[in-house]
């Protein structure tokens, strides 16, 4: 397990509603070829982002609106359904 993976897993465990952490861990798992591990994270990201007002800024390395996270999860989940 890489250092980044360990840090992100701990972050998501301690702060499961932190959208940037969910997104980054899901993408890291995808890049590592662990798509089965990425999908549940993207579904959780979609669920949590969908509960927020679309224009609400989500704190993170860069403040981004909730709609960014929702769109990212939707794009990933729809892509997976097409393959």
Protein backbone atom coordinates (compact mmCIF):
# COMPACT_ATOMS: atom_id res chain seq x y z
CA UNK A 1 0.00 0.00 0.00
CA UNK A 2 1.40 3.38 -0.96
CA UNK A 3 1.81 6.20 1.53
CA UNK A 4 -0.84 8.24 -0.29
CA UNK A 5 -3.32 5.37 -0.11
CA UNK A 6 -2.74 4.90 3.61
CA UNK A 7 -3.16 8.62 4.30
CA UNK A 8 -6.33 8.87 2.23
CA UNK A 9 -7.83 5.73 3.77
CA UNK A 10 -7.22 7.15 7.24
CA UNK A 11 -8.67 10.50 6.20
CA UNK A 12 -11.83 8.91 4.80
CA UNK A 13 -12.18 6.74 7.90
CA UNK A 14 -11.87 9.73 10.22
CA UNK A 15 -13.87 12.15 8.07
CA UNK A 16 -16.27 10.11 5.88
CA UNK A 17 -18.14 13.25 4.79
CA UNK A 18 -15.01 15.00 3.48
CA UNK A 19 -15.80 15.00 -0.24
CA UNK A 20 -12.28 15.76 -1.53
CA UNK A 21 -10.93 12.76 0.39
CA UNK A 22 -13.58 10.42 -1.02
CA UNK A 23 -12.91 11.61 -4.55
CA UNK A 24 -9.14 11.35 -4.30
CA UNK A 25 -9.18 7.89 -2.73
CA UNK A 26 -11.63 6.63 -5.35
CA UNK A 27 -9.47 8.00 -8.18
CA UNK A 28 -6.31 6.59 -6.61
CA UNK A 29 -7.92 3.16 -6.39
CA UNK A 30 -9.08 3.43 -10.02
CA UNK A 31 -5.55 4.30 -11.17
CA UNK A 32 -4.25 1.30 -9.19
CA UNK A 33 -6.68 -0.98 -11.06
CA UNK A 34 -8.94 -1.52 -8.06
CA UNK A 35 -12.20 -0.48 -9.72
CA UNK A 36 -14.26 -2.67 -7.35
CA UNK A 37 -12.90 -0.60 -4.47
CA UNK A 38 -13.44 2.73 -6.27
CA UNK A 39 -17.14 2.27 -7.04
CA UNK A 40 -18.42 2.27 -3.43
CA UNK A 41 -16.44 5.43 -2.75
CA UNK A 42 -17.90 7.15 -5.79
CA UNK A 43 -21.39 6.09 -4.77
CA UNK A 44 -20.78 7.52 -1.28
CA UNK A 45 -19.42 10.71 -2.86
CA UNK A 46 -22.50 11.02 -5.03
CA UNK A 47 -24.83 10.45 -2.10
CA UNK A 48 -23.13 12.97 0.16
CA UNK A 49 -22.68 15.62 -2.55
CA UNK A 50 -26.31 15.19 -3.60
CA UNK A 51 -27.46 16.19 -0.12
CA UNK A 52 -25.81 19.60 -0.40
CA UNK A 53 -27.06 22.66 -2.28
CA UNK A 54 -25.31 22.54 -5.70
CA UNK A 55 -23.58 25.90 -5.27
CA UNK A 56 -22.41 25.29 -1.70
CA UNK A 57 -18.63 25.51 -1.56
CA UNK A 58 -16.95 22.46 -0.09
CA UNK A 59 -13.75 23.12 1.81
CA UNK A 60 -10.70 21.29 0.59
CA UNK A 61 -7.36 22.01 -1.01
CA UNK A 62 -9.44 24.21 -3.31
CA UNK A 63 -12.98 25.26 -2.40
CA UNK A 64 -15.24 23.75 -5.06
CA UNK A 65 -19.03 23.67 -5.30
CA UNK A 66 -20.90 20.52 -4.33
CA UNK A 67 -22.05 20.20 -7.95
CA UNK A 68 -18.41 19.52 -8.95
CA UNK A 69 -18.31 16.45 -6.71
CA UNK A 70 -21.73 15.29 -7.84
CA UNK A 71 -20.77 15.68 -11.50
CA UNK A 72 -17.45 13.88 -10.92
CA UNK A 73 -19.17 10.92 -9.28
CA UNK A 74 -21.88 10.82 -11.96
CA UNK A 75 -19.30 10.88 -14.74
CA UNK A 76 -17.32 8.06 -13.16
CA UNK A 77 -20.33 5.90 -12.36
CA UNK A 78 -21.86 6.37 -15.81
CA UNK A 79 -18.54 5.58 -17.46
CA UNK A 80 -18.32 2.35 -15.49
CA UNK A 81 -21.82 1.37 -16.59
CA UNK A 82 -20.85 1.77 -20.24
CA UNK A 83 -17.82 -0.50 -20.10
